[in-house]
Amino acid sequence: MKKRVVITGLGAITPLGHSVRETWLAVKEGKSGVGRITLFDPTDFTTKIAGEVKDFDAKNFMDGKEARKMDRFSQFALAAATEAMADAGIGSGSFDPDRGGCALGVGIGGFRTIEDSLRLLVEKGPQRIPPMTIPKLIANIGPGNVSIHFDLRGPCYTMTTACSSGTDAIGSAVRWIENGAMDFMISGGVEATITPFCIASFNVIQALSTRNDEPEKASRPFDKARDGFVMGEGSGIVILESLEHALARGAKIYAEYAGYGMSCDANHLTAPHPEGRGAASAMKMALTDAGMKPEDIDYINAHGTSTPINDPTETKAIKEVFGAHAYKLKVSSTKSMTGHMLGAAGGIEALFCTLALHEGFLPPTANLEEPDPLCDLNYLPHKGIAGNIRAAMSNTFGFGGQNGILIFKKYTA
């Protein structure tokens, strides 16, 4: 029999704050973390805005020598994981290191390190490449740094499935606990790709919003005037733990994992299937895995990227899966406030679903002023609402046709 898996710790570094508390309070109030880019000079770029993690100093979260060996994405991962482990009450010497691991979603990896080192190569030659270039940029080094820091000797790996990476990391990490191989896993997602090359590359394919004069209103999922997504960065981490292990140590429990689904559109490199075929398939798979009916879900944290194609396609997929119940669901996109954190999106949005269940509060969709006629569900515009929800679904979709879905439910003994 599969072991039950619960969430016992949370950690966050986001455009809205350097902690879960800061981030969640801002989300509840519908505040935006988007502004003009400061990490580089965006003057010559079509898009000049992003959801940056503001005033982040890694030395506030870890030893300075340790921080210097990491790309920004690894620093985010360790900072968020440190908060999550402390929140869970899992400290050094309190666990069997062979029965704890780390699985993180990383969509791209150390882009800043790649760009900085390539610039040195071109300007000063091959001998000037820093020795830590490869150890800083590789995508698996995020969970690697976390595992080294906490002495976790179980599974340590990265899931890279574009914007579904964080979701798929959590879905994968759960399996180690369900089958009894691990007592707990640090999981979620991380990304730090607000760099010149990355912004320019997304601009070339016209994916990003260019509402540069109103940054805080640029991410507007399901709104008729949306013009593209806003890139965000940061990390969202959850501590997944077997119920048995959590109860034995008297841990607090936020919510319970219920189900996971993963599929591929098999349709296009960047565009979703026009009828939401793969998204619907993954949602149905997650419901089956959870042993739930569509009517058991009360809230969906939508992928809701604020792009012309994604939002109506996701709406179609939700209607396909939920039928008449789709119009009874509460749906919102927290990307309206954080921006799209790419590989970190699934991690932070799983965290938001967890808090929605734990606190009985459903976050809003900011900036939804005039809904697209093709997007006609209840997207909780502007203000979140209190509500005692039984189960929440988190949707994530990515380039390559990736679809990842997680379901969490209220914990009951």
Protein backbone atom coordinates (compact mmCIF):
# COMPACT_ATOMS: atom_id res chain seq x y z
CA MET A 1 0.00 0.00 0.00
CA LYS A 2 1.27 3.47 -0.90
CA LYS A 3 2.24 5.68 2.01
CA ARG A 4 0.34 8.93 2.47
CA VAL A 5 2.40 12.04 1.74
CA VAL A 6 1.91 15.38 3.47
CA ILE A 7 3.44 18.86 3.26
CA THR A 8 5.16 19.92 6.47
CA GLY A 9 7.34 22.89 5.44
CA LEU A 10 7.30 25.81 3.00
CA GLY A 11 9.95 28.18 1.66
CA ALA A 12 9.85 30.99 -0.87
CA ILE A 13 12.02 33.60 -2.57
CA THR A 14 9.89 35.56 -5.04
CA PRO A 15 9.34 38.95 -6.67
CA LEU A 16 6.92 39.59 -3.79
CA GLY A 17 9.29 38.89 -0.92
CA HIS A 18 12.12 36.91 0.63
CA SER A 19 9.90 34.58 2.64
CA VAL A 20 6.64 32.66 2.51
CA ARG A 21 4.98 35.18 4.83
CA GLU A 22 5.94 38.23 2.73
CA THR A 23 4.98 36.51 -0.50
CA TRP A 24 1.65 35.14 0.69
CA LEU A 25 0.56 38.42 2.28
CA ALA A 26 1.26 40.24 -1.00
CA VAL A 27 -0.65 37.61 -2.98
CA LYS A 28 -3.63 37.85 -0.65
CA GLU A 29 -3.67 41.60 -1.19
CA GLY A 30 -3.35 41.30 -4.97
CA LYS A 31 -0.03 43.17 -5.11
CA SER A 32 2.26 42.97 -8.13
CA GLY A 33 5.97 42.20 -7.93
CA VAL A 34 6.63 43.40 -11.49
CA GLY A 35 8.72 46.48 -12.26
CA ARG A 36 11.37 47.86 -14.58
CA ILE A 37 14.37 45.58 -14.94
CA THR A 38 17.33 46.55 -12.75
CA LEU A 39 19.55 43.48 -13.15
CA PHE A 40 20.81 44.92 -16.44
CA ASP A 41 20.13 48.02 -18.53
CA PRO A 42 16.97 47.23 -20.56
CA THR A 43 16.98 50.46 -22.58
CA ASP A 44 17.51 48.79 -25.96
CA PHE A 45 15.15 45.87 -25.27
CA THR A 46 11.58 45.58 -26.47
CA THR A 47 10.59 44.34 -23.01
CA LYS A 48 11.94 46.41 -20.15
CA ILE A 49 10.01 44.84 -17.27
CA ALA A 50 10.14 41.66 -15.19
CA GLY A 51 9.30 40.19 -11.81
CA GLU A 52 12.71 40.46 -10.17
CA VAL A 53 13.59 39.24 -6.69
CA LYS A 54 14.42 42.62 -5.20
CA ASP A 55 17.37 43.47 -2.95
CA PHE A 56 18.49 39.87 -2.70
CA ASP A 57 21.79 39.39 -0.90
CA ALA A 58 22.71 35.71 -0.70
CA LYS A 59 24.92 36.37 2.35
CA ASN A 60 21.74 36.98 4.35
CA PHE A 61 20.77 33.35 3.78
CA MET A 62 24.06 31.43 3.68
CA ASP A 63 27.79 31.70 4.21
CA GLY A 64 29.38 34.18 1.83
CA LYS A 65 32.02 31.73 0.64
CA GLU A 66 29.27 29.20 -0.10
CA ALA A 67 27.26 31.84 -1.98
CA ARG A 68 30.16 32.85 -4.23
CA LYS A 69 30.29 29.31 -5.63
CA MET A 70 26.68 29.48 -6.80
CA ASP A 71 24.76 31.00 -9.66
CA ARG A 72 21.76 33.13 -8.64
CA PHE A 73 19.36 30.23 -9.23
CA SER A 74 21.22 27.98 -6.77
CA GLN A 75 21.27 30.78 -4.21
CA PHE A 76 17.49 31.09 -4.51
CA ALA A 77 17.06 27.34 -4.13
CA LEU A 78 19.17 27.11 -0.98
CA ALA A 79 17.56 30.20 0.57
CA ALA A 80 14.04 28.84 0.03
CA ALA A 81 15.01 25.32 1.10
CA THR A 82 16.53 26.67 4.31
CA GLU A 83 13.27 28.40 5.18
CA ALA A 84 11.27 25.27 4.32
CA MET A 85 13.44 22.98 6.44
CA ALA A 86 13.25 25.35 9.39
CA ASP A 87 9.49 25.63 8.96
CA ALA A 88 9.20 21.84 8.95
CA GLY A 89 11.34 21.59 12.07
CA ILE A 90 13.86 19.30 10.39
CA GLY A 91 17.30 20.18 11.67
CA SER A 92 20.79 18.75 11.55
CA GLY A 93 21.00 15.44 13.40
CA SER A 94 17.22 15.02 13.56
CA PHE A 95 16.87 12.74 10.54
CA ASP A 96 18.50 9.80 8.80
CA PRO A 97 20.52 11.41 5.94
CA ASP A 98 20.09 8.30 3.81
CA ARG A 99 16.32 8.73 3.89
CA GLY A 100 16.08 12.35 2.74
CA GLY A 101 16.58 13.76 -0.75
CA CYS A 102 16.07 16.75 -3.03
CA ALA A 103 14.30 17.01 -6.40
CA LEU A 104 13.94 20.45 -7.96
CA GLY A 105 12.46 21.73 -11.19
CA VAL A 106 14.87 23.92 -13.17
CA GLY A 107 13.72 25.01 -16.60
CA ILE A 108 16.95 26.57 -17.86
CA GLY A 109 19.70 26.77 -15.22
CA GLY A 110 22.61 29.17 -14.77
CA PHE A 111 21.99 31.60 -17.60
CA ARG A 112 23.73 34.47 -15.82
CA THR A 113 26.90 32.39 -15.40
CA ILE A 114 26.78 31.34 -19.06
CA GLU A 115 26.47 34.93 -20.27
CA ASP A 116 29.15 36.29 -17.94
CA SER A 117 31.64 33.56 -18.86
CA LEU A 118 30.92 33.83 -22.58
CA ARG A 119 31.56 37.57 -22.41
CA LEU A 120 34.95 36.92 -20.79
CA LEU A 121 35.76 34.33 -23.45
CA VAL A 122 35.04 36.78 -26.28
CA GLU A 123 36.63 39.82 -24.68
CA LYS A 124 39.65 38.34 -22.87
CA GLY A 125 40.20 34.85 -24.23
CA PRO A 126 39.77 31.24 -23.09
CA GLN A 127 42.23 31.41 -20.20
CA ARG A 128 40.04 33.94 -18.39
CA ILE A 129 37.03 31.67 -17.99
CA PRO A 130 36.37 31.32 -14.21
CA PRO A 131 37.06 27.82 -12.81
CA MET A 132 33.58 27.63 -11.27
CA THR A 133 31.79 28.24 -14.59
CA ILE A 134 30.58 24.68 -15.17
CA PRO A 135 29.83 23.88 -11.50
CA LYS A 136 27.70 27.04 -11.32
CA LEU A 137 25.72 26.77 -14.54
CA ILE A 138 24.66 23.11 -14.80
CA ALA A 139 20.96 22.62 -14.04
CA ASN A 140 21.45 19.79 -11.52
CA ILE A 141 23.65 21.93 -9.29
CA GLY A 142 20.62 23.57 -7.66
CA PRO A 143 19.47 20.45 -5.81
CA GLY A 144 23.13 19.46 -5.56
CA ASN A 145 23.91 22.51 -3.45
CA VAL A 146 20.82 21.92 -1.31
CA SER A 147 21.72 18.28 -0.68
CA ILE A 148 25.33 19.14 0.19
CA HIS A 149 24.22 21.87 2.59
CA PHE A 150 21.77 19.62 4.48
CA ASP A 151 23.72 16.35 4.11
CA LEU A 152 20.90 14.63 2.21
CA ARG A 153 22.22 11.35 0.81
CA GLY A 154 19.07 10.09 -0.90
CA PRO A 155 17.93 10.95 -4.45
CA CYS A 156 19.23 14.29 -5.76
CA TYR A 157 18.16 15.41 -9.22
CA THR A 158 16.69 18.08 -11.48
CA MET A 159 13.52 17.82 -13.53
CA THR A 160 13.63 19.92 -16.68
CA THR A 161 10.28 20.07 -18.43
CA ALA A 162 10.14 23.78 -19.26
CA CYS A 163 7.45 25.58 -17.26
CA SER A 164 6.17 22.30 -15.79
CA SER A 165 9.54 21.57 -14.17
CA GLY A 166 8.59 22.43 -10.59
CA THR A 167 5.35 20.46 -10.81
CA ASP A 168 7.04 17.42 -12.28
CA ALA A 169 9.77 17.54 -9.65
CA ILE A 170 7.15 17.38 -6.90
CA GLY A 171 5.20 14.64 -8.68
CA SER A 172 8.38 12.62 -9.04
CA ALA A 173 9.62 13.26 -5.51
CA VAL A 174 6.37 11.98 -4.03
CA ARG A 175 6.99 8.53 -5.52
CA TRP A 176 10.13 8.02 -3.40
CA ILE A 177 8.08 8.58 -0.25
CA GLU A 178 4.99 6.66 -1.35
CA ASN A 179 7.03 3.52 -1.95
CA GLY A 180 8.79 3.79 1.41
CA ALA A 181 12.28 4.49 0.08
CA MET A 182 12.47 8.02 1.60
CA ASP A 183 11.05 9.65 4.73
CA PHE A 184 11.05 13.15 3.22
CA MET A 185 12.05 15.09 0.11
CA ILE A 186 12.82 18.75 -0.45
CA SER A 187 11.06 19.62 -3.70
CA GLY A 188 9.70 22.47 -5.80
CA GLY A 189 11.23 24.71 -8.43
CA VAL A 190 13.78 27.45 -9.00
CA GLU A 191 14.75 29.81 -11.81
CA ALA A 192 16.84 32.95 -12.37
CA THR A 193 16.79 33.89 -16.04
CA ILE A 194 16.21 37.64 -16.09
CA THR A 195 19.29 38.22 -18.22
CA PRO A 196 19.91 40.08 -21.49
CA PHE A 197 20.15 36.93 -23.62
CA CYS A 198 17.04 35.34 -22.14
CA ILE A 199 14.86 38.45 -22.39
CA ALA A 200 16.04 39.10 -25.96
CA SER A 201 15.40 35.48 -26.95
CA PHE A 202 11.82 35.54 -25.67
CA ASN A 203 11.31 38.93 -27.34
CA VAL A 204 12.32 37.49 -30.71
CA ILE A 205 9.41 35.04 -30.52
CA GLN A 206 7.10 37.81 -29.23
CA ALA A 207 6.26 35.92 -26.05
CA LEU A 208 6.75 38.72 -23.50
CA SER A 209 4.52 41.63 -22.55
CA THR A 210 5.70 45.04 -23.73
CA ARG A 211 3.44 47.04 -21.38
CA ASN A 212 6.55 48.87 -20.18
CA ASP A 213 4.73 52.00 -19.03
CA GLU A 214 2.56 50.04 -16.55
CA PRO A 215 4.73 47.19 -15.25
CA GLU A 216 2.46 46.28 -12.34
CA LYS A 217 -0.46 45.82 -14.77
CA ALA A 218 1.45 43.93 -17.46
CA SER A 219 0.69 40.40 -16.27
CA ARG A 220 -3.06 40.12 -16.83
CA PRO A 221 -4.18 36.51 -17.31
CA PHE A 222 -7.56 35.98 -18.99
CA ASP A 223 -7.89 39.71 -19.70
CA LYS A 224 -8.85 40.87 -23.17
CA ALA A 225 -5.90 43.31 -23.26
CA ARG A 226 -3.16 40.79 -22.33
CA ASP A 227 -0.13 40.91 -24.62
CA GLY A 228 2.27 38.26 -23.35
CA PHE A 229 3.78 36.89 -20.16
CA VAL A 230 6.04 38.72 -17.74
CA MET A 231 9.18 36.86 -16.77
CA GLY A 232 9.67 36.24 -13.08
CA GLU A 233 12.36 34.55 -10.99
CA GLY A 234 12.75 32.93 -7.60
CA SER A 235 12.02 29.65 -5.86
CA GLY A 236 9.10 27.86 -4.25
CA ILE A 237 9.94 24.87 -2.02
CA VAL A 238 7.81 22.33 -0.16
CA ILE A 239 8.87 19.65 2.28
CA LEU A 240 7.15 16.39 1.32
CA GLU A 241 7.05 13.83 4.10
CA SER A 242 5.41 10.50 4.79
CA LEU A 243 2.46 10.92 7.13
CA GLU A 244 3.91 8.24 9.36
CA HIS A 245 7.22 10.08 9.72
CA ALA A 246 5.53 13.45 10.23
CA LEU A 247 3.23 12.17 12.96
CA ALA A 248 6.08 10.36 14.73
CA ARG A 249 7.98 13.61 15.17
CA GLY A 250 4.92 15.75 15.91
CA ALA A 251 5.21 17.88 12.79
CA LYS A 252 2.58 20.40 11.78
CA ILE A 253 0.81 19.44 8.56
CA TYR A 254 -0.30 22.02 6.00
CA ALA A 255 -2.03 19.77 3.49
CA GLU A 256 -1.89 16.32 1.92
CA TYR A 257 -0.68 15.36 -1.54
CA ALA A 258 -3.46 13.68 -3.53
CA GLY A 259 -2.52 13.09 -7.18
CA TYR A 260 -0.30 13.89 -10.17
CA GLY A 261 -0.68 13.78 -13.93
CA MET A 262 1.83 14.33 -16.74
CA SER A 263 1.30 14.36 -20.50
CA CYS A 264 2.58 15.76 -23.78
CA ASP A 265 0.56 17.64 -26.40
CA ALA A 266 2.68 16.09 -29.18
CA ASN A 267 1.60 19.08 -31.23
CA HIS A 268 4.06 22.01 -31.49
CA LEU A 269 7.37 23.22 -30.09
CA THR A 270 5.94 26.28 -28.34
CA ALA A 271 2.15 26.44 -28.84
CA PRO A 272 -0.35 24.37 -26.84
CA HIS A 273 -2.74 22.08 -28.65
CA PRO A 274 -5.60 24.34 -29.81
CA GLU A 275 -8.21 22.23 -28.00
CA GLY A 276 -6.11 21.74 -24.88
CA ARG A 277 -5.80 18.02 -25.59
CA GLY A 278 -2.69 17.34 -23.53
CA ALA A 279 -3.71 19.64 -20.68
CA ALA A 280 -7.06 17.89 -20.35
CA SER A 281 -5.37 14.49 -20.44
CA ALA A 282 -3.00 15.43 -17.61
CA MET A 283 -5.86 16.80 -15.48
CA LYS A 284 -7.84 13.60 -15.94
CA MET A 285 -4.74 11.57 -15.08
CA ALA A 286 -4.23 13.55 -11.86
CA LEU A 287 -7.87 13.05 -10.86
CA THR A 288 -7.55 9.31 -11.47
CA ASP A 289 -4.32 9.15 -9.46
CA ALA A 290 -6.05 11.00 -6.62
CA GLY A 291 -9.12 8.76 -6.78
CA MET A 292 -11.25 11.87 -7.18
CA LYS A 293 -14.15 13.01 -9.33
CA PRO A 294 -14.12 16.43 -11.02
CA GLU A 295 -16.70 17.61 -8.49
CA ASP A 296 -14.22 17.03 -5.66
CA ILE A 297 -12.03 19.94 -6.80
CA ASP A 298 -12.96 23.38 -5.46
CA TYR A 299 -10.05 25.53 -6.67
CA ILE A 300 -7.59 25.59 -9.57
CA ASN A 301 -4.39 27.60 -9.57
CA ALA A 302 -4.26 28.02 -13.33
CA HIS A 303 -1.18 28.10 -15.51
CA GLY A 304 -2.68 31.42 -16.67
CA THR A 305 0.36 32.96 -18.33
CA SER A 306 -1.31 36.08 -19.78
CA THR A 307 -0.50 35.05 -23.35
CA PRO A 308 -3.09 35.29 -26.14
CA ILE A 309 -2.98 31.54 -26.86
CA ASN A 310 -2.54 29.89 -23.45
CA ASP A 311 -5.41 31.41 -21.50
CA PRO A 312 -8.34 30.42 -23.75
CA THR A 313 -6.75 27.03 -24.42
CA GLU A 314 -6.46 26.30 -20.71
CA THR A 315 -10.06 27.42 -20.26
CA LYS A 316 -11.15 24.94 -22.95
CA ALA A 317 -9.24 22.15 -21.24
CA ILE A 318 -10.82 22.90 -17.85
CA LYS A 319 -14.30 22.82 -19.43
CA GLU A 320 -13.47 19.54 -21.15
CA VAL A 321 -12.47 17.90 -17.88
CA PHE A 322 -14.93 19.47 -15.45
CA GLY A 323 -18.05 19.91 -17.60
CA ALA A 324 -20.79 21.87 -15.81
CA HIS A 325 -18.67 21.89 -12.62
CA ALA A 326 -16.15 24.16 -14.41
CA TYR A 327 -18.49 27.09 -13.77
CA LYS A 328 -18.66 26.28 -10.05
CA LEU A 329 -14.88 26.15 -9.68
CA LYS A 330 -12.85 29.04 -8.33
CA VAL A 331 -9.90 29.61 -10.67
CA SER A 332 -7.08 32.13 -10.40
CA SER A 333 -3.65 32.85 -11.80
CA THR A 334 -1.10 34.04 -9.26
CA LYS A 335 1.25 34.79 -12.16
CA SER A 336 -0.68 38.04 -12.35
CA MET A 337 1.37 39.04 -9.30
CA THR A 338 4.61 37.01 -9.43
CA GLY A 339 5.08 36.99 -13.17
CA HIS A 340 5.91 33.68 -14.80
CA MET A 341 8.73 32.10 -12.83
CA LEU A 342 9.32 29.44 -15.54
CA GLY A 343 10.84 26.33 -13.93
CA ALA A 344 9.97 27.70 -10.48
CA ALA A 345 6.29 28.25 -11.32
CA GLY A 346 5.12 24.79 -10.33
CA GLY A 347 6.90 25.01 -6.99
CA ILE A 348 5.54 28.38 -5.93
CA GLU A 349 2.05 27.59 -7.21
CA ALA A 350 1.98 24.28 -5.32
CA LEU A 351 2.91 26.32 -2.26
CA PHE A 352 0.01 28.72 -2.93
CA CYS A 353 -2.41 25.79 -3.28
CA THR A 354 -1.12 24.41 0.02
CA LEU A 355 -1.71 27.71 1.81
CA ALA A 356 -5.13 28.10 0.18
CA LEU A 357 -6.13 24.75 1.71
CA HIS A 358 -4.48 25.42 5.05
CA GLU A 359 -5.87 28.93 5.56
CA GLY A 360 -9.12 28.67 3.62
CA PHE A 361 -8.26 31.61 1.37
CA LEU A 362 -8.31 31.64 -2.44
CA PRO A 363 -5.93 34.13 -4.05
CA PRO A 364 -7.13 36.52 -6.77
CA THR A 365 -6.25 37.12 -10.39
CA ALA A 366 -4.90 40.66 -10.47
CA ASN A 367 -5.40 43.02 -13.41
CA LEU A 368 -8.45 41.19 -14.77
CA GLU A 369 -10.40 44.23 -15.91
CA GLU A 370 -12.19 43.05 -19.06
CA PRO A 371 -12.29 39.26 -19.42
CA ASP A 372 -11.64 37.74 -22.82
CA PRO A 373 -15.01 36.36 -24.03
CA LEU A 374 -13.25 33.01 -24.54
CA CYS A 375 -12.24 33.01 -20.88
CA ASP A 376 -15.56 32.81 -19.07
CA LEU A 377 -14.88 30.97 -15.80
CA ASN A 378 -14.78 32.46 -12.29
CA TYR A 379 -11.20 33.78 -12.17
CA LEU A 380 -11.59 35.70 -8.88
CA PRO A 381 -10.72 39.11 -10.32
CA HIS A 382 -8.88 41.65 -8.14
CA LYS A 383 -9.77 40.23 -4.72
CA GLY A 384 -9.27 36.82 -3.17
CA ILE A 385 -11.99 35.22 -1.09
CA ALA A 386 -12.26 33.15 2.06
CA GLY A 387 -13.49 29.64 1.43
CA ASN A 388 -13.29 26.22 3.02
CA ILE A 389 -11.95 24.18 0.11
CA ARG A 390 -11.52 20.41 0.07
CA ALA A 391 -9.04 20.01 -2.80
CA ALA A 392 -6.96 22.24 -5.06
CA MET A 393 -5.41 21.60 -8.46
CA SER A 394 -2.25 23.26 -9.78
CA ASN A 395 -1.83 23.46 -13.57
CA THR A 396 1.48 23.94 -15.37
CA PHE A 397 2.21 23.73 -19.10
CA GLY A 398 5.45 24.28 -21.01
CA PHE A 399 7.24 24.48 -24.33
CA GLY A 400 7.59 21.10 -25.98
CA GLY A 401 3.96 20.33 -25.12
CA GLN A 402 4.70 19.55 -21.46
CA ASN A 403 1.73 19.30 -19.09
CA GLY A 404 2.05 18.74 -15.36
CA ILE A 405 -0.84 18.71 -12.86
CA LEU A 406 -0.81 18.33 -9.08
CA ILE A 407 -3.73 17.90 -6.70
CA PHE A 408 -3.56 18.62 -2.98
CA LYS A 409 -6.29 18.12 -0.40
CA LYS A 410 -7.10 19.23 3.10
CA TYR A 411 -5.40 16.97 5.62
CA THR A 412 -7.64 14.86 7.82
CA ALA A 413 -6.34 12.34 10.31
